[in-house]
Each structure stands twice: as structure tokens, then as C-alpha cells.
Amino acid sequence: MQPQVVQVGPNLWVEIGVYSACTTGVKIVASVYMYTH
């Protein structure tokens, strides 16, 4: 069970990073869309 507990940390940070990247990408796309329309 110990290894799985250790795995939770990195996976959580990866999910946070992906979520941040996605939200940032959406903001950029929205800004470009508003700027070009």
C-alpha cells in the first residue's frame, strides 16, 4: 500500500498542471477569438 500512497502526490501535481495548462489554453483561445472577431 505504501507505493500507492507515494504515487498519489506526483499524480495530483500532474493533474493540477494539466488542469492549469487547459484553463490557460482556453483563456488564450478565448482572447484570440475575441481579438479576431
PDB file of N, CA and C in Angstrom:
ATOM      1  N   MET A   1       0.824  -1.203   0.000  1.00  0.00           N
ATOM      2  CA  MET A   1       0.000   0.000   0.000  1.00  0.00           C
ATOM      3  C   MET A   1       0.871   1.272   0.000  1.00  0.00           C
ATOM      4  N   GLN A   2       2.040   1.170   0.570  1.00  0.00           N
ATOM      5  CA  GLN A   2       2.921   2.336   0.650  1.00  0.00           C
ATOM      6  C   GLN A   2       3.228   2.949  -0.727  1.00  0.00           C
ATOM      7  N   PRO A   3       3.611   2.117  -1.729  1.00  0.00           N
ATOM      8  CA  PRO A   3       3.912   2.671  -3.057  1.00  0.00           C
ATOM      9  C   PRO A   3       2.754   3.475  -3.634  1.00  0.00           C
ATOM     10  N   GLN A   4       1.526   2.998  -3.440  1.00  0.00           N
ATOM     11  CA  GLN A   4       0.370   3.709  -3.990  1.00  0.00           C
ATOM     12  C   GLN A   4       0.223   5.076  -3.334  1.00  0.00           C
ATOM     13  N   VAL A   5       0.496   5.132  -2.030  1.00  0.00           N
ATOM     14  CA  VAL A   5       0.403   6.407  -1.313  1.00  0.00           C
ATOM     15  C   VAL A   5       1.412   7.400  -1.893  1.00  0.00           C
ATOM     16  N   VAL A   6       2.614   6.880  -2.208  1.00  0.00           N
ATOM     17  CA  VAL A   6       3.660   7.738  -2.771  1.00  0.00           C
ATOM     18  C   VAL A   6       3.241   8.241  -4.156  1.00  0.00           C
ATOM     19  N   GLN A   7       2.520   7.391  -4.896  1.00  0.00           N
ATOM     20  CA  GLN A   7       2.114   7.744  -6.253  1.00  0.00           C
ATOM     21  C   GLN A   7       1.070   8.860  -6.285  1.00  0.00           C
ATOM     22  N   VAL A   8       0.314   9.001  -5.197  1.00  0.00           N
ATOM     23  CA  VAL A   8      -0.766   9.996  -5.181  1.00  0.00           C
ATOM     24  C   VAL A   8      -0.209  11.406  -5.380  1.00  0.00           C
ATOM     25  N   GLY A   9       0.913  11.724  -4.726  1.00  0.00           N
ATOM     26  CA  GLY A   9       1.491  13.067  -4.812  1.00  0.00           C
ATOM     27  C   GLY A   9       1.789  13.497  -6.243  1.00  0.00           C
ATOM     28  N   PRO A  10       2.708  12.798  -6.934  1.00  0.00           N
ATOM     29  CA  PRO A  10       3.057  13.157  -8.316  1.00  0.00           C
ATOM     30  C   PRO A  10       1.846  13.207  -9.236  1.00  0.00           C
ATOM     31  N   ASN A  11       0.953  12.227  -9.117  1.00  0.00           N
ATOM     32  CA  ASN A  11      -0.221  12.214  -9.992  1.00  0.00           C
ATOM     33  C   ASN A  11      -1.081  13.445  -9.757  1.00  0.00           C
ATOM     34  N   LEU A  12      -1.224  13.831  -8.494  1.00  0.00           N
ATOM     35  CA  LEU A  12      -2.026  15.007  -8.164  1.00  0.00           C
ATOM     36  C   LEU A  12      -1.418  16.256  -8.792  1.00  0.00           C
ATOM     37  N   TRP A  13      -0.092  16.391  -8.681  1.00  0.00           N
ATOM     38  CA  TRP A  13       0.579  17.558  -9.264  1.00  0.00           C
ATOM     39  C   TRP A  13       0.454  17.549 -10.784  1.00  0.00           C
ATOM     40  N   VAL A  14       0.512  16.370 -11.389  1.00  0.00           N
ATOM     41  CA  VAL A  14       0.358  16.267 -12.845  1.00  0.00           C
ATOM     42  C   VAL A  14      -1.040  16.714 -13.242  1.00  0.00           C
ATOM     43  N   GLU A  15      -2.036  16.264 -12.487  1.00  0.00           N
ATOM     44  CA  GLU A  15      -3.412  16.654 -12.792  1.00  0.00           C
ATOM     45  C   GLU A  15      -3.589  18.160 -12.651  1.00  0.00           C
ATOM     46  N   ILE A  16      -2.991  18.726 -11.593  1.00  0.00           N
ATOM     47  CA  ILE A  16      -3.062  20.180 -11.391  1.00  0.00           C
ATOM     48  C   ILE A  16      -2.386  20.899 -12.555  1.00  0.00           C
ATOM     49  N   GLY A  17      -1.232  20.394 -12.982  1.00  0.00           N
ATOM     50  CA  GLY A  17      -0.522  21.009 -14.098  1.00  0.00           C
ATOM     51  C   GLY A  17      -1.325  20.944 -15.380  1.00  0.00           C
ATOM     52  N   VAL A  18      -1.929  19.790 -15.647  1.00  0.00           N
ATOM     53  CA  VAL A  18      -2.746  19.631 -16.856  1.00  0.00           C
ATOM     54  C   VAL A  18      -3.951  20.557 -16.789  1.00  0.00           C
ATOM     55  N   TYR A  19      -4.585  20.617 -15.624  1.00  0.00           N
ATOM     56  CA  TYR A  19      -5.758  21.485 -15.450  1.00  0.00           C
ATOM     57  C   TYR A  19      -5.378  22.944 -15.676  1.00  0.00           C
ATOM     58  N   SER A  20      -4.236  23.357 -15.108  1.00  0.00           N
ATOM     59  CA  SER A  20      -3.778  24.734 -15.285  1.00  0.00           C
ATOM     60  C   SER A  20      -3.477  25.015 -16.753  1.00  0.00           C
ATOM     61  N   ALA A  21      -2.821  24.067 -17.418  1.00  0.00           N
ATOM     62  CA  ALA A  21      -2.490  24.242 -18.830  1.00  0.00           C
ATOM     63  C   ALA A  21      -3.762  24.353 -19.666  1.00  0.00           C
ATOM     64  N   CYS A  22      -4.757  23.531 -19.348  1.00  0.00           N
ATOM     65  CA  CYS A  22      -6.014  23.558 -20.101  1.00  0.00           C
ATOM     66  C   CYS A  22      -6.735  24.878 -19.900  1.00  0.00           C
ATOM     67  N   THR A  23      -6.823  25.334 -18.665  1.00  0.00           N
ATOM     68  CA  THR A  23      -7.522  26.590 -18.391  1.00  0.00           C
ATOM     69  C   THR A  23      -6.787  27.757 -19.043  1.00  0.00           C
ATOM     70  N   THR A  24      -5.450  27.715 -19.001  1.00  0.00           N
ATOM     71  CA  THR A  24      -4.665  28.772 -19.640  1.00  0.00           C
ATOM     72  C   THR A  24      -4.878  28.751 -21.147  1.00  0.00           C
ATOM     73  N   GLY A  25      -4.904  27.555 -21.722  1.00  0.00           N
ATOM     74  CA  GLY A  25      -5.138  27.415 -23.162  1.00  0.00           C
ATOM     75  C   GLY A  25      -6.498  27.957 -23.541  1.00  0.00           C
ATOM     76  N   VAL A  26      -7.504  27.666 -22.725  1.00  0.00           N
ATOM     77  CA  VAL A  26      -8.855  28.161 -23.000  1.00  0.00           C
ATOM     78  C   VAL A  26      -8.876  29.682 -22.952  1.00  0.00           C
ATOM     79  N   LYS A  27      -8.197  30.270 -21.974  1.00  0.00           N
ATOM     80  CA  LYS A  27      -8.145  31.730 -21.856  1.00  0.00           C
ATOM     81  C   LYS A  27      -7.476  32.334 -23.086  1.00  0.00           C
ATOM     82  N   ILE A  28      -6.378  31.718 -23.542  1.00  0.00           N
ATOM     83  CA  ILE A  28      -5.667  32.218 -24.719  1.00  0.00           C
ATOM     84  C   ILE A  28      -6.560  32.125 -25.948  1.00  0.00           C
ATOM     85  N   VAL A  29      -7.209  30.978 -26.130  1.00  0.00           N
ATOM     86  CA  VAL A  29      -8.097  30.791 -27.282  1.00  0.00           C
ATOM     87  C   VAL A  29      -9.237  31.797 -27.234  1.00  0.00           C
ATOM     88  N   ALA A  30      -9.804  32.001 -26.048  1.00  0.00           N
ATOM     89  CA  ALA A  30     -10.902  32.961 -25.898  1.00  0.00           C
ATOM     90  C   ALA A  30     -10.421  34.371 -26.232  1.00  0.00           C
ATOM     91  N   SER A  31      -9.229  34.725 -25.767  1.00  0.00           N
ATOM     92  CA  SER A  31      -8.687  36.055 -26.043  1.00  0.00           C
ATOM     93  C   SER A  31      -8.459  36.244 -27.537  1.00  0.00           C
ATOM     94  N   VAL A  32      -7.875  35.244 -28.183  1.00  0.00           N
ATOM     95  CA  VAL A  32      -7.621  35.319 -29.625  1.00  0.00           C
ATOM     96  C   VAL A  32      -8.941  35.404 -30.381  1.00  0.00           C
ATOM     97  N   TYR A  33      -9.919  34.621 -29.948  1.00  0.00           N
ATOM     98  CA  TYR A  33     -11.234  34.620 -30.606  1.00  0.00           C
ATOM     99  C   TYR A  33     -11.880  35.998 -30.493  1.00  0.00           C
ATOM    100  N   MET A  34     -11.839  36.578 -29.303  1.00  0.00           N
ATOM    101  CA  MET A  34     -12.428  37.906 -29.100  1.00  0.00           C
ATOM    102  C   MET A  34     -11.659  38.956 -29.907  1.00  0.00           C
ATOM    103  N   TYR A  35     -10.329  38.785 -30.000  1.00  0.00           N
ATOM    104  CA  TYR A  35      -9.497  39.762 -30.698  1.00  0.00           C
ATOM    105  C   TYR A  35      -9.716  39.708 -32.204  1.00  0.00           C
ATOM    106  N   THR A  36      -9.985  38.518 -32.727  1.00  0.00           N
ATOM    107  CA  THR A  36     -10.122  38.359 -34.175  1.00  0.00           C
ATOM    108  C   THR A  36     -11.565  38.500 -34.639  1.00  0.00           C
ATOM    109  N   HIS A  37     -12.510  38.682 -33.704  1.00  0.00           N
ATOM    110  CA  HIS A  37     -13.899  38.818 -34.118  1.00  0.00           C
ATOM    111  C   HIS A  37     -14.457  40.165 -33.664  1.00  0.00           C
TER     112      HIS A  37
END
